[in-house]
Amino acid sequence: MNTIIEFSKNNWLEIAGVVFSVIYLYFSINRKLWLWAVGIISSAIYVVVFFRASLYADMIQNIYYVIISIYGLITWIKDRDNLDKRTYEVEVYKTPLKKIAPIILAWLSIHATIYCFTKFMPEILGISSASIPLIDSCLTSTAFIATWMLAKKYIEQWVLWIFVDFAYIVVYAYRELYLTCFLFLIYTSMAIVGYVKWKEHLLTDNKNKIKQL
């Protein structure tokens, strides 16, 4: 019991991040508008957690999450025609083919930028070196794109999250962030659930539109 209390005292910020992140994931799977408000809180918490762990790409990622959560909240509210006023659930879409090439180019640009930043800036700033800059920047850039796709309500964002979340299990185990490692095990499982649920909704919505024709 004392061990649990001591662990909670030493890791209370990470615990709070996990709690808010799980709530965020629940809202995301169920297409709830409130996911963005919770996302702002959880991301702000993890900015601090990852800075302390010298995972600078992840810290940058969560700064981005705060910004994109504000963008997502505004975007979903403005799309009133596809927002259920009773349940605060939104409609979802497949990624347009014309968007794929720009998305890939954006990923390459973000990956290169973050890698250079995490590889060289710690020495310039006189702070701890990044742990695994190449892998870290790869996963971070993928998460950037996936979160933007969530803001656009593209179902394929779940495929990216399945890959990213599974990879992060290994990364956080390496960094001995075991509670966050457990969180990403949940994330991986729930990302699969999220894809299935969004896919079912998309198929149902398409059938209803066909019936109305």
N, C-alpha and C. Protein backbone atom coordinates (compact mmCIF):
# COMPACT_ATOMS: atom_id res chain seq x y z
N MET A 1 0.83 -1.20 0.00
CA MET A 1 0.00 0.00 0.00
C MET A 1 0.87 1.26 0.00
N ASN A 2 1.91 1.24 0.84
CA ASN A 2 2.83 2.38 0.90
C ASN A 2 3.53 2.60 -0.43
N THR A 3 3.83 1.47 -1.11
CA THR A 3 4.48 1.56 -2.41
C THR A 3 3.58 2.26 -3.42
N ILE A 4 2.28 1.93 -3.39
CA ILE A 4 1.32 2.54 -4.31
C ILE A 4 1.19 4.04 -4.03
N ILE A 5 1.11 4.39 -2.75
CA ILE A 5 1.00 5.80 -2.36
C ILE A 5 2.24 6.57 -2.79
N GLU A 6 3.40 5.97 -2.58
CA GLU A 6 4.66 6.62 -2.96
C GLU A 6 4.75 6.80 -4.47
N PHE A 7 4.33 5.76 -5.20
CA PHE A 7 4.33 5.83 -6.67
C PHE A 7 3.40 6.94 -7.15
N SER A 8 2.23 7.04 -6.53
CA SER A 8 1.24 8.06 -6.91
C SER A 8 1.78 9.46 -6.66
N LYS A 9 2.49 9.63 -5.53
CA LYS A 9 3.05 10.94 -5.21
C LYS A 9 4.12 11.34 -6.21
N ASN A 10 4.94 10.37 -6.60
CA ASN A 10 6.05 10.66 -7.51
C ASN A 10 5.61 10.78 -8.96
N ASN A 11 4.46 10.21 -9.28
CA ASN A 11 4.03 10.17 -10.68
C ASN A 11 2.61 10.72 -10.89
N TRP A 12 2.20 11.63 -10.01
CA TRP A 12 0.82 12.13 -10.06
C TRP A 12 0.50 12.84 -11.37
N LEU A 13 1.49 13.52 -11.94
CA LEU A 13 1.25 14.25 -13.19
C LEU A 13 1.03 13.28 -14.34
N GLU A 14 1.83 12.22 -14.39
CA GLU A 14 1.66 11.20 -15.43
C GLU A 14 0.33 10.49 -15.27
N ILE A 15 -0.07 10.22 -14.02
CA ILE A 15 -1.36 9.58 -13.75
C ILE A 15 -2.51 10.45 -14.26
N ALA A 16 -2.42 11.76 -14.00
CA ALA A 16 -3.44 12.68 -14.49
C ALA A 16 -3.48 12.67 -16.01
N GLY A 17 -2.32 12.62 -16.64
CA GLY A 17 -2.25 12.57 -18.10
C GLY A 17 -2.91 11.33 -18.66
N VAL A 18 -2.70 10.20 -17.98
CA VAL A 18 -3.32 8.94 -18.40
C VAL A 18 -4.84 9.02 -18.31
N VAL A 19 -5.34 9.55 -17.20
CA VAL A 19 -6.79 9.63 -16.98
C VAL A 19 -7.44 10.49 -18.06
N PHE A 20 -6.91 11.68 -18.28
CA PHE A 20 -7.47 12.57 -19.29
C PHE A 20 -7.32 11.99 -20.70
N SER A 21 -6.24 11.26 -20.94
CA SER A 21 -6.01 10.67 -22.25
C SER A 21 -7.02 9.56 -22.55
N VAL A 22 -7.36 8.77 -21.53
CA VAL A 22 -8.37 7.72 -21.71
C VAL A 22 -9.74 8.33 -22.00
N ILE A 23 -10.07 9.40 -21.30
CA ILE A 23 -11.34 10.10 -21.55
C ILE A 23 -11.35 10.64 -22.97
N TYR A 24 -10.22 11.22 -23.39
CA TYR A 24 -10.07 11.75 -24.75
C TYR A 24 -10.33 10.65 -25.78
N LEU A 25 -9.74 9.49 -25.53
CA LEU A 25 -9.88 8.37 -26.46
C LEU A 25 -11.32 7.90 -26.54
N TYR A 26 -11.99 7.84 -25.42
CA TYR A 26 -13.40 7.43 -25.40
C TYR A 26 -14.25 8.37 -26.25
N PHE A 27 -14.05 9.68 -26.06
CA PHE A 27 -14.81 10.67 -26.84
C PHE A 27 -14.46 10.57 -28.33
N SER A 28 -13.20 10.29 -28.63
CA SER A 28 -12.76 10.19 -30.01
C SER A 28 -13.42 9.01 -30.72
N ILE A 29 -13.43 7.87 -30.06
CA ILE A 29 -14.05 6.67 -30.64
C ILE A 29 -15.53 6.90 -30.92
N ASN A 30 -16.18 7.63 -30.02
CA ASN A 30 -17.62 7.85 -30.14
C ASN A 30 -17.98 9.15 -30.87
N ARG A 31 -16.97 9.77 -31.50
CA ARG A 31 -17.19 10.95 -32.35
C ARG A 31 -17.80 12.12 -31.58
N LYS A 32 -17.41 12.28 -30.33
CA LYS A 32 -17.95 13.33 -29.48
C LYS A 32 -17.12 14.61 -29.60
N LEU A 33 -17.79 15.72 -29.71
CA LEU A 33 -17.14 17.03 -29.83
C LEU A 33 -16.20 17.32 -28.66
N TRP A 34 -16.55 16.80 -27.47
CA TRP A 34 -15.81 17.13 -26.25
C TRP A 34 -14.39 16.58 -26.23
N LEU A 35 -14.06 15.72 -27.18
CA LEU A 35 -12.72 15.14 -27.18
C LEU A 35 -11.64 16.23 -27.26
N TRP A 36 -11.96 17.32 -27.97
CA TRP A 36 -10.94 18.35 -28.16
C TRP A 36 -10.65 19.13 -26.87
N ALA A 37 -11.67 19.40 -26.09
CA ALA A 37 -11.45 20.10 -24.81
C ALA A 37 -10.60 19.26 -23.87
N VAL A 38 -10.91 17.97 -23.79
CA VAL A 38 -10.13 17.06 -22.95
C VAL A 38 -8.72 16.91 -23.51
N GLY A 39 -8.61 16.91 -24.84
CA GLY A 39 -7.31 16.79 -25.48
C GLY A 39 -6.37 17.93 -25.14
N ILE A 40 -6.91 19.12 -25.00
CA ILE A 40 -6.09 20.28 -24.62
C ILE A 40 -5.47 20.05 -23.23
N ILE A 41 -6.26 19.54 -22.31
CA ILE A 41 -5.78 19.31 -20.94
C ILE A 41 -4.72 18.22 -20.90
N SER A 42 -5.04 17.06 -21.53
CA SER A 42 -4.10 15.92 -21.48
C SER A 42 -2.79 16.25 -22.19
N SER A 43 -2.87 16.97 -23.29
CA SER A 43 -1.66 17.32 -24.04
C SER A 43 -0.78 18.28 -23.25
N ALA A 44 -1.39 19.24 -22.59
CA ALA A 44 -0.62 20.19 -21.78
C ALA A 44 0.13 19.46 -20.65
N ILE A 45 -0.52 18.48 -20.06
CA ILE A 45 0.12 17.69 -19.00
C ILE A 45 1.34 16.94 -19.54
N TYR A 46 1.18 16.33 -20.72
CA TYR A 46 2.27 15.53 -21.28
C TYR A 46 3.41 16.37 -21.82
N VAL A 47 3.19 17.64 -22.10
CA VAL A 47 4.30 18.53 -22.45
C VAL A 47 5.33 18.52 -21.32
N VAL A 48 4.84 18.60 -20.09
CA VAL A 48 5.71 18.60 -18.92
C VAL A 48 6.34 17.22 -18.70
N VAL A 49 5.53 16.17 -18.80
CA VAL A 49 6.01 14.81 -18.56
C VAL A 49 7.15 14.45 -19.51
N PHE A 50 6.99 14.76 -20.79
CA PHE A 50 8.00 14.37 -21.78
C PHE A 50 9.24 15.25 -21.72
N PHE A 51 9.07 16.50 -21.30
CA PHE A 51 10.25 17.35 -21.11
C PHE A 51 11.14 16.76 -20.01
N ARG A 52 10.50 16.32 -18.93
CA ARG A 52 11.26 15.72 -17.82
C ARG A 52 11.94 14.43 -18.23
N ALA A 53 11.36 13.70 -19.21
CA ALA A 53 11.94 12.43 -19.66
C ALA A 53 12.90 12.60 -20.83
N SER A 54 13.16 13.86 -21.24
CA SER A 54 14.06 14.19 -22.36
C SER A 54 13.56 13.63 -23.69
N LEU A 55 12.25 13.45 -23.81
CA LEU A 55 11.65 13.03 -25.08
C LEU A 55 11.10 14.29 -25.76
N TYR A 56 12.01 15.02 -26.40
CA TYR A 56 11.68 16.35 -26.88
C TYR A 56 10.72 16.32 -28.08
N ALA A 57 10.85 15.30 -28.92
CA ALA A 57 9.92 15.19 -30.05
C ALA A 57 8.50 14.97 -29.55
N ASP A 58 8.38 14.18 -28.50
CA ASP A 58 7.06 13.93 -27.90
C ASP A 58 6.54 15.20 -27.23
N MET A 59 7.44 15.98 -26.65
CA MET A 59 7.04 17.24 -26.05
C MET A 59 6.50 18.18 -27.13
N ILE A 60 7.23 18.28 -28.25
CA ILE A 60 6.78 19.10 -29.37
C ILE A 60 5.44 18.59 -29.90
N GLN A 61 5.33 17.27 -29.95
CA GLN A 61 4.09 16.65 -30.42
C GLN A 61 2.90 17.10 -29.59
N ASN A 62 3.07 17.17 -28.28
CA ASN A 62 1.96 17.54 -27.41
C ASN A 62 1.68 19.04 -27.42
N ILE A 63 2.70 19.85 -27.70
CA ILE A 63 2.44 21.28 -27.93
C ILE A 63 1.56 21.42 -29.17
N TYR A 64 1.91 20.64 -30.19
CA TYR A 64 1.10 20.63 -31.41
C TYR A 64 -0.32 20.15 -31.11
N TYR A 65 -0.45 19.13 -30.25
CA TYR A 65 -1.77 18.61 -29.90
C TYR A 65 -2.65 19.69 -29.27
N VAL A 66 -2.05 20.52 -28.43
CA VAL A 66 -2.82 21.62 -27.82
C VAL A 66 -3.36 22.53 -28.92
N ILE A 67 -2.49 22.86 -29.87
CA ILE A 67 -2.88 23.77 -30.96
C ILE A 67 -3.92 23.12 -31.87
N ILE A 68 -3.68 21.85 -32.26
CA ILE A 68 -4.60 21.17 -33.18
C ILE A 68 -5.93 20.87 -32.49
N SER A 69 -5.91 20.72 -31.16
CA SER A 69 -7.16 20.49 -30.44
C SER A 69 -8.05 21.73 -30.49
N ILE A 70 -7.42 22.89 -30.40
CA ILE A 70 -8.18 24.14 -30.55
C ILE A 70 -8.75 24.24 -31.96
N TYR A 71 -7.91 23.90 -32.94
CA TYR A 71 -8.34 23.91 -34.35
C TYR A 71 -9.46 22.90 -34.57
N GLY A 72 -9.31 21.69 -34.03
CA GLY A 72 -10.33 20.65 -34.19
C GLY A 72 -11.66 21.05 -33.57
N LEU A 73 -11.59 21.65 -32.39
CA LEU A 73 -12.81 22.09 -31.71
C LEU A 73 -13.55 23.13 -32.55
N ILE A 74 -12.81 24.09 -33.06
CA ILE A 74 -13.43 25.13 -33.90
C ILE A 74 -13.99 24.53 -35.18
N THR A 75 -13.22 23.63 -35.81
CA THR A 75 -13.65 23.01 -37.07
C THR A 75 -14.92 22.19 -36.89
N TRP A 76 -14.98 21.39 -35.82
CA TRP A 76 -16.16 20.54 -35.60
C TRP A 76 -17.38 21.38 -35.25
N ILE A 77 -17.19 22.46 -34.50
CA ILE A 77 -18.31 23.33 -34.15
C ILE A 77 -18.85 24.03 -35.40
N LYS A 78 -17.94 24.48 -36.27
CA LYS A 78 -18.35 25.20 -37.47
C LYS A 78 -19.07 24.30 -38.47
N ASP A 79 -18.76 23.00 -38.44
CA ASP A 79 -19.40 22.05 -39.37
C ASP A 79 -20.76 21.63 -38.79
N ARG A 80 -21.64 22.59 -38.62
CA ARG A 80 -22.91 22.36 -37.92
C ARG A 80 -23.83 21.39 -38.65
N ASP A 81 -23.72 21.35 -39.97
CA ASP A 81 -24.60 20.46 -40.74
C ASP A 81 -24.32 18.99 -40.45
N ASN A 82 -23.10 18.69 -40.01
CA ASN A 82 -22.71 17.31 -39.72
C ASN A 82 -22.47 17.07 -38.23
N LEU A 83 -23.07 17.93 -37.40
CA LEU A 83 -22.95 17.78 -35.95
C LEU A 83 -24.34 17.57 -35.35
N ASP A 84 -24.53 16.44 -34.68
CA ASP A 84 -25.80 16.16 -34.03
C ASP A 84 -25.91 17.02 -32.78
N LYS A 85 -26.90 17.90 -32.74
CA LYS A 85 -27.04 18.85 -31.63
C LYS A 85 -27.45 18.16 -30.33
N ARG A 86 -28.01 16.95 -30.41
CA ARG A 86 -28.45 16.24 -29.21
C ARG A 86 -27.32 15.44 -28.58
N THR A 87 -26.54 14.75 -29.41
CA THR A 87 -25.50 13.85 -28.91
C THR A 87 -24.10 14.44 -29.04
N TYR A 88 -23.96 15.54 -29.79
CA TYR A 88 -22.67 16.14 -30.09
C TYR A 88 -21.73 15.16 -30.78
N GLU A 89 -22.31 14.32 -31.62
CA GLU A 89 -21.54 13.40 -32.45
C GLU A 89 -21.44 13.97 -33.86
N VAL A 90 -20.35 13.65 -34.57
CA VAL A 90 -20.14 14.18 -35.91
C VAL A 90 -20.15 13.06 -36.94
N GLU A 91 -20.37 13.43 -38.20
CA GLU A 91 -20.26 12.49 -39.30
C GLU A 91 -18.78 12.31 -39.65
N VAL A 92 -18.43 11.17 -40.26
CA VAL A 92 -17.04 10.91 -40.63
C VAL A 92 -16.95 10.61 -42.12
N TYR A 93 -15.71 10.69 -42.64
CA TYR A 93 -15.50 10.55 -44.08
C TYR A 93 -14.29 9.67 -44.38
N LYS A 94 -14.18 9.23 -45.63
CA LYS A 94 -12.97 8.57 -46.11
C LYS A 94 -12.04 9.65 -46.64
N THR A 95 -10.75 9.42 -46.54
CA THR A 95 -9.77 10.40 -47.03
C THR A 95 -9.85 10.49 -48.55
N PRO A 96 -10.06 11.69 -49.10
CA PRO A 96 -10.11 11.84 -50.56
C PRO A 96 -8.77 11.45 -51.19
N LEU A 97 -8.81 10.79 -52.34
CA LEU A 97 -7.59 10.34 -53.01
C LEU A 97 -6.65 11.51 -53.32
N LYS A 98 -7.22 12.67 -53.66
CA LYS A 98 -6.39 13.82 -54.01
C LYS A 98 -5.60 14.36 -52.82
N LYS A 99 -5.96 13.93 -51.60
CA LYS A 99 -5.28 14.39 -50.39
C LYS A 99 -4.08 13.53 -50.03
N ILE A 100 -3.98 12.33 -50.61
CA ILE A 100 -2.95 11.37 -50.18
C ILE A 100 -1.54 11.88 -50.46
N ALA A 101 -1.29 12.35 -51.69
CA ALA A 101 0.05 12.85 -52.04
C ALA A 101 0.46 14.04 -51.16
N PRO A 102 -0.40 15.05 -50.97
CA PRO A 102 -0.03 16.15 -50.07
C PRO A 102 0.22 15.69 -48.63
N ILE A 103 -0.53 14.69 -48.18
CA ILE A 103 -0.33 14.16 -46.83
C ILE A 103 1.05 13.52 -46.70
N ILE A 104 1.46 12.76 -47.71
CA ILE A 104 2.77 12.11 -47.68
C ILE A 104 3.89 13.14 -47.69
N LEU A 105 3.74 14.16 -48.53
CA LEU A 105 4.74 15.22 -48.60
C LEU A 105 4.82 15.99 -47.27
N ALA A 106 3.67 16.23 -46.68
CA ALA A 106 3.64 16.91 -45.38
C ALA A 106 4.34 16.07 -44.32
N TRP A 107 4.11 14.75 -44.36
CA TRP A 107 4.76 13.86 -43.39
C TRP A 107 6.27 13.90 -43.53
N LEU A 108 6.77 13.84 -44.77
CA LEU A 108 8.22 13.87 -45.00
C LEU A 108 8.83 15.18 -44.50
N SER A 109 8.15 16.28 -44.74
CA SER A 109 8.66 17.59 -44.31
C SER A 109 8.68 17.69 -42.78
N ILE A 110 7.60 17.24 -42.14
CA ILE A 110 7.52 17.31 -40.68
C ILE A 110 8.56 16.40 -40.04
N HIS A 111 8.71 15.20 -40.61
CA HIS A 111 9.68 14.24 -40.08
C HIS A 111 11.10 14.82 -40.13
N ALA A 112 11.47 15.39 -41.27
CA ALA A 112 12.81 15.94 -41.43
C ALA A 112 13.04 17.11 -40.47
N THR A 113 12.04 17.95 -40.32
CA THR A 113 12.16 19.13 -39.43
C THR A 113 12.33 18.71 -37.97
N ILE A 114 11.48 17.80 -37.53
CA ILE A 114 11.55 17.36 -36.13
C ILE A 114 12.84 16.61 -35.84
N TYR A 115 13.29 15.79 -36.80
CA TYR A 115 14.55 15.05 -36.60
C TYR A 115 15.72 16.01 -36.41
N CYS A 116 15.80 17.01 -37.28
CA CYS A 116 16.89 17.99 -37.17
C CYS A 116 16.82 18.74 -35.85
N PHE A 117 15.61 19.09 -35.46
CA PHE A 117 15.43 19.84 -34.20
C PHE A 117 15.87 19.00 -33.01
N THR A 118 15.38 17.76 -32.92
CA THR A 118 15.68 16.92 -31.76
C THR A 118 17.12 16.40 -31.77
N LYS A 119 17.72 16.34 -32.94
CA LYS A 119 19.09 15.85 -33.05
C LYS A 119 20.11 16.92 -32.65
N PHE A 120 19.87 18.16 -33.06
CA PHE A 120 20.89 19.19 -32.91
C PHE A 120 20.57 20.27 -31.87
N MET A 121 19.30 20.55 -31.63
CA MET A 121 18.95 21.65 -30.72
C MET A 121 19.31 21.41 -29.26
N PRO A 122 19.21 20.18 -28.73
CA PRO A 122 19.60 19.98 -27.32
C PRO A 122 21.02 20.44 -27.01
N GLU A 123 21.95 20.16 -27.94
CA GLU A 123 23.34 20.58 -27.72
C GLU A 123 23.45 22.10 -27.76
N ILE A 124 22.71 22.73 -28.67
CA ILE A 124 22.73 24.19 -28.79
C ILE A 124 22.15 24.84 -27.54
N LEU A 125 21.06 24.24 -27.03
CA LEU A 125 20.38 24.81 -25.87
C LEU A 125 21.01 24.39 -24.55
N GLY A 126 21.92 23.41 -24.61
CA GLY A 126 22.59 22.96 -23.39
C GLY A 126 21.71 22.11 -22.50
N ILE A 127 20.79 21.31 -23.11
CA ILE A 127 19.93 20.43 -22.34
C ILE A 127 20.24 18.98 -22.71
N SER A 128 19.61 18.03 -22.03
CA SER A 128 19.88 16.61 -22.26
C SER A 128 19.61 16.23 -23.70
N SER A 129 20.47 15.34 -24.24
CA SER A 129 20.31 14.90 -25.62
C SER A 129 19.04 14.06 -25.77
N ALA A 130 18.44 14.12 -26.95
CA ALA A 130 17.26 13.31 -27.23
C ALA A 130 17.63 11.83 -27.20
N SER A 131 16.72 10.99 -26.73
CA SER A 131 17.02 9.57 -26.54
C SER A 131 17.15 8.82 -27.86
N ILE A 132 16.12 8.88 -28.68
CA ILE A 132 16.09 8.13 -29.95
C ILE A 132 15.49 9.05 -31.02
N PRO A 133 16.24 10.03 -31.48
CA PRO A 133 15.69 11.08 -32.34
C PRO A 133 15.06 10.60 -33.65
N LEU A 134 15.66 9.61 -34.30
CA LEU A 134 15.12 9.16 -35.60
C LEU A 134 13.76 8.49 -35.43
N ILE A 135 13.67 7.54 -34.50
CA ILE A 135 12.40 6.85 -34.25
C ILE A 135 11.38 7.81 -33.67
N ASP A 136 11.83 8.63 -32.74
CA ASP A 136 10.95 9.59 -32.08
C ASP A 136 10.32 10.54 -33.09
N SER A 137 11.13 11.08 -33.99
CA SER A 137 10.62 12.03 -34.98
C SER A 137 9.72 11.37 -36.00
N CYS A 138 10.01 10.11 -36.33
CA CYS A 138 9.16 9.35 -37.27
C CYS A 138 7.76 9.17 -36.69
N LEU A 139 7.70 8.74 -35.44
CA LEU A 139 6.40 8.51 -34.81
C LEU A 139 5.66 9.82 -34.55
N THR A 140 6.43 10.85 -34.18
CA THR A 140 5.82 12.14 -33.91
C THR A 140 5.19 12.73 -35.16
N SER A 141 5.90 12.67 -36.28
CA SER A 141 5.37 13.22 -37.54
C SER A 141 4.14 12.45 -37.98
N THR A 142 4.13 11.13 -37.76
CA THR A 142 2.95 10.33 -38.11
C THR A 142 1.77 10.71 -37.23
N ALA A 143 2.04 10.94 -35.95
CA ALA A 143 0.98 11.35 -35.02
C ALA A 143 0.45 12.73 -35.38
N PHE A 144 1.33 13.63 -35.86
CA PHE A 144 0.90 14.95 -36.30
C PHE A 144 -0.14 14.82 -37.41
N ILE A 145 0.19 14.00 -38.40
CA ILE A 145 -0.70 13.81 -39.56
C ILE A 145 -2.00 13.15 -39.12
N ALA A 146 -1.92 12.15 -38.24
CA ALA A 146 -3.11 11.43 -37.79
C ALA A 146 -4.06 12.36 -37.03
N THR A 147 -3.51 13.26 -36.21
CA THR A 147 -4.35 14.17 -35.45
C THR A 147 -5.03 15.18 -36.37
N TRP A 148 -4.31 15.64 -37.39
CA TRP A 148 -4.91 16.54 -38.38
C TRP A 148 -6.05 15.82 -39.12
N MET A 149 -5.82 14.54 -39.43
CA MET A 149 -6.86 13.76 -40.11
C MET A 149 -8.08 13.56 -39.20
N LEU A 150 -7.85 13.46 -37.89
CA LEU A 150 -8.97 13.38 -36.95
C LEU A 150 -9.77 14.67 -36.97
N ALA A 151 -9.07 15.81 -37.02
CA ALA A 151 -9.76 17.09 -37.09
C ALA A 151 -10.61 17.18 -38.36
N LYS A 152 -10.14 16.53 -39.43
CA LYS A 152 -10.88 16.51 -40.69
C LYS A 152 -11.90 15.36 -40.74
N LYS A 153 -11.91 14.54 -39.69
CA LYS A 153 -12.85 13.41 -39.56
C LYS A 153 -12.64 12.32 -40.60
N TYR A 154 -11.37 12.09 -40.97
CA TYR A 154 -11.04 11.03 -41.91
C TYR A 154 -10.83 9.71 -41.16
N ILE A 155 -11.51 8.67 -41.58
CA ILE A 155 -11.47 7.39 -40.87
C ILE A 155 -10.08 6.75 -40.88
N GLU A 156 -9.29 7.01 -41.92
CA GLU A 156 -7.97 6.38 -42.02
C GLU A 156 -7.00 6.82 -40.93
N GLN A 157 -7.36 7.87 -40.20
CA GLN A 157 -6.50 8.29 -39.09
C GLN A 157 -6.32 7.17 -38.07
N TRP A 158 -7.32 6.30 -37.94
CA TRP A 158 -7.21 5.19 -36.99
C TRP A 158 -6.13 4.20 -37.40
N VAL A 159 -5.93 4.00 -38.69
CA VAL A 159 -4.88 3.08 -39.17
C VAL A 159 -3.51 3.60 -38.74
N LEU A 160 -3.32 4.91 -38.89
CA LEU A 160 -2.05 5.51 -38.47
C LEU A 160 -1.86 5.39 -36.96
N TRP A 161 -2.96 5.57 -36.20
CA TRP A 161 -2.85 5.49 -34.75
C TRP A 161 -2.54 4.08 -34.28
N ILE A 162 -3.05 3.08 -34.96
CA ILE A 162 -2.74 1.70 -34.58
C ILE A 162 -1.24 1.46 -34.68
N PHE A 163 -0.64 1.92 -35.78
CA PHE A 163 0.81 1.78 -35.97
C PHE A 163 1.59 2.57 -34.93
N VAL A 164 1.23 3.85 -34.76
CA VAL A 164 1.95 4.73 -33.84
C VAL A 164 1.85 4.25 -32.39
N ASP A 165 0.64 3.92 -31.96
CA ASP A 165 0.44 3.52 -30.57
C ASP A 165 1.19 2.24 -30.23
N PHE A 166 1.20 1.29 -31.15
CA PHE A 166 1.92 0.04 -30.91
C PHE A 166 3.42 0.31 -30.80
N ALA A 167 3.93 1.15 -31.69
CA ALA A 167 5.36 1.47 -31.66
C ALA A 167 5.75 2.19 -30.38
N TYR A 168 4.86 3.05 -29.88
CA TYR A 168 5.15 3.80 -28.67
C TYR A 168 5.21 2.90 -27.43
N ILE A 169 4.57 1.76 -27.47
CA ILE A 169 4.67 0.82 -26.35
C ILE A 169 6.13 0.45 -26.13
N VAL A 170 6.83 0.18 -27.22
CA VAL A 170 8.24 -0.18 -27.15
C VAL A 170 9.09 1.01 -26.70
N VAL A 171 8.79 2.19 -27.25
CA VAL A 171 9.56 3.39 -26.92
C VAL A 171 9.46 3.72 -25.44
N TYR A 172 8.24 3.71 -24.91
CA TYR A 172 8.06 4.11 -23.50
C TYR A 172 8.55 3.02 -22.54
N ALA A 173 8.53 1.78 -22.96
CA ALA A 173 9.12 0.73 -22.14
C ALA A 173 10.63 0.95 -22.05
N TYR A 174 11.22 1.35 -23.15
CA TYR A 174 12.66 1.65 -23.19
C TYR A 174 13.00 2.81 -22.27
N ARG A 175 12.10 3.81 -22.20
CA ARG A 175 12.33 4.98 -21.37
C ARG A 175 11.83 4.79 -19.94
N GLU A 176 11.33 3.58 -19.62
CA GLU A 176 10.86 3.22 -18.28
C GLU A 176 9.66 4.08 -17.83
N LEU A 177 8.87 4.53 -18.80
CA LEU A 177 7.60 5.20 -18.49
C LEU A 177 6.50 4.14 -18.55
N TYR A 178 6.48 3.28 -17.55
CA TYR A 178 5.66 2.07 -17.62
C TYR A 178 4.16 2.37 -17.58
N LEU A 179 3.77 3.38 -16.85
CA LEU A 179 2.35 3.73 -16.80
C LEU A 179 1.88 4.23 -18.17
N THR A 180 2.70 5.05 -18.81
CA THR A 180 2.37 5.52 -20.15
C THR A 180 2.45 4.38 -21.16
N CYS A 181 3.35 3.45 -20.94
CA CYS A 181 3.44 2.25 -21.78
C CYS A 181 2.13 1.47 -21.71
N PHE A 182 1.59 1.32 -20.51
CA PHE A 182 0.30 0.64 -20.34
C PHE A 182 -0.81 1.42 -21.03
N LEU A 183 -0.74 2.76 -20.93
CA LEU A 183 -1.73 3.60 -21.60
C LEU A 183 -1.73 3.34 -23.10
N PHE A 184 -0.55 3.22 -23.69
CA PHE A 184 -0.48 3.02 -25.14
C PHE A 184 -0.85 1.60 -25.55
N LEU A 185 -0.78 0.66 -24.62
CA LEU A 185 -1.33 -0.66 -24.89
C LEU A 185 -2.85 -0.56 -25.02
N ILE A 186 -3.44 0.24 -24.14
CA ILE A 186 -4.88 0.50 -24.23
C ILE A 186 -5.19 1.25 -25.51
N TYR A 187 -4.35 2.25 -25.82
CA TYR A 187 -4.55 3.04 -27.04
C TYR A 187 -4.57 2.16 -28.29
N THR A 188 -3.62 1.21 -28.37
CA THR A 188 -3.54 0.34 -29.54
C THR A 188 -4.82 -0.47 -29.70
N SER A 189 -5.28 -1.03 -28.60
CA SER A 189 -6.51 -1.83 -28.64
C SER A 189 -7.72 -0.97 -29.01
N MET A 190 -7.80 0.21 -28.40
CA MET A 190 -8.93 1.08 -28.65
C MET A 190 -8.89 1.74 -30.02
N ALA A 191 -7.70 1.90 -30.58
CA ALA A 191 -7.60 2.42 -31.95
C ALA A 191 -8.23 1.44 -32.93
N ILE A 192 -8.05 0.16 -32.66
CA ILE A 192 -8.69 -0.88 -33.49
C ILE A 192 -10.20 -0.79 -33.34
N VAL A 193 -10.65 -0.63 -32.08
CA VAL A 193 -12.09 -0.47 -31.82
C VAL A 193 -12.62 0.78 -32.51
N GLY A 194 -11.84 1.87 -32.43
CA GLY A 194 -12.25 3.12 -33.06
C GLY A 194 -12.43 2.98 -34.55
N TYR A 195 -11.50 2.29 -35.19
CA TYR A 195 -11.61 2.09 -36.64
C TYR A 195 -12.86 1.28 -36.99
N VAL A 196 -13.09 0.23 -36.22
CA VAL A 196 -14.27 -0.62 -36.48
C VAL A 196 -15.56 0.16 -36.30
N LYS A 197 -15.64 0.95 -35.23
CA LYS A 197 -16.86 1.72 -34.95
C LYS A 197 -17.09 2.80 -36.00
N TRP A 198 -16.03 3.51 -36.40
CA TRP A 198 -16.17 4.53 -37.43
C TRP A 198 -16.55 3.89 -38.77
N LYS A 199 -15.98 2.72 -39.04
CA LYS A 199 -16.29 2.01 -40.29
C LYS A 199 -17.76 1.60 -40.31
N GLU A 200 -18.24 1.09 -39.20
CA GLU A 200 -19.65 0.70 -39.11
C GLU A 200 -20.56 1.90 -39.30
N HIS A 201 -20.20 3.02 -38.67
CA HIS A 201 -21.01 4.24 -38.82
C HIS A 201 -21.00 4.71 -40.27
N LEU A 202 -19.82 4.66 -40.91
CA LEU A 202 -19.70 5.11 -42.29
C LEU A 202 -20.55 4.25 -43.22
N LEU A 203 -20.53 2.95 -43.02
CA LEU A 203 -21.33 2.04 -43.84
C LEU A 203 -22.82 2.26 -43.63
N THR A 204 -23.21 2.46 -42.37
CA THR A 204 -24.62 2.71 -42.05
C THR A 204 -25.09 4.02 -42.66
N ASP A 205 -24.24 5.03 -42.56
CA ASP A 205 -24.59 6.35 -43.11
C ASP A 205 -24.74 6.28 -44.62
N ASN A 206 -23.85 5.54 -45.27
CA ASN A 206 -23.93 5.40 -46.73
C ASN A 206 -25.19 4.66 -47.15
N LYS A 207 -25.57 3.63 -46.38
CA LYS A 207 -26.79 2.87 -46.69
C LYS A 207 -28.02 3.77 -46.55
N ASN A 208 -28.03 4.61 -45.52
CA ASN A 208 -29.16 5.51 -45.31
C ASN A 208 -29.28 6.53 -46.43
N LYS A 209 -28.13 6.99 -46.92
CA LYS A 209 -28.15 7.95 -48.03
C LYS A 209 -28.67 7.31 -49.31
N ILE A 210 -28.29 6.05 -49.53
CA ILE A 210 -28.76 5.33 -50.70
C ILE A 210 -30.27 5.14 -50.64
N LYS A 211 -30.79 4.82 -49.46
CA LYS A 211 -32.25 4.61 -49.28
C LYS A 211 -33.03 5.91 -49.56
N GLN A 212 -32.39 7.04 -49.25
CA GLN A 212 -33.07 8.32 -49.43
C GLN A 212 -33.12 8.74 -50.88
N LEU A 213 -32.26 8.15 -51.73
CA LEU A 213 -32.25 8.51 -53.15
C LEU A 213 -33.47 7.96 -53.88
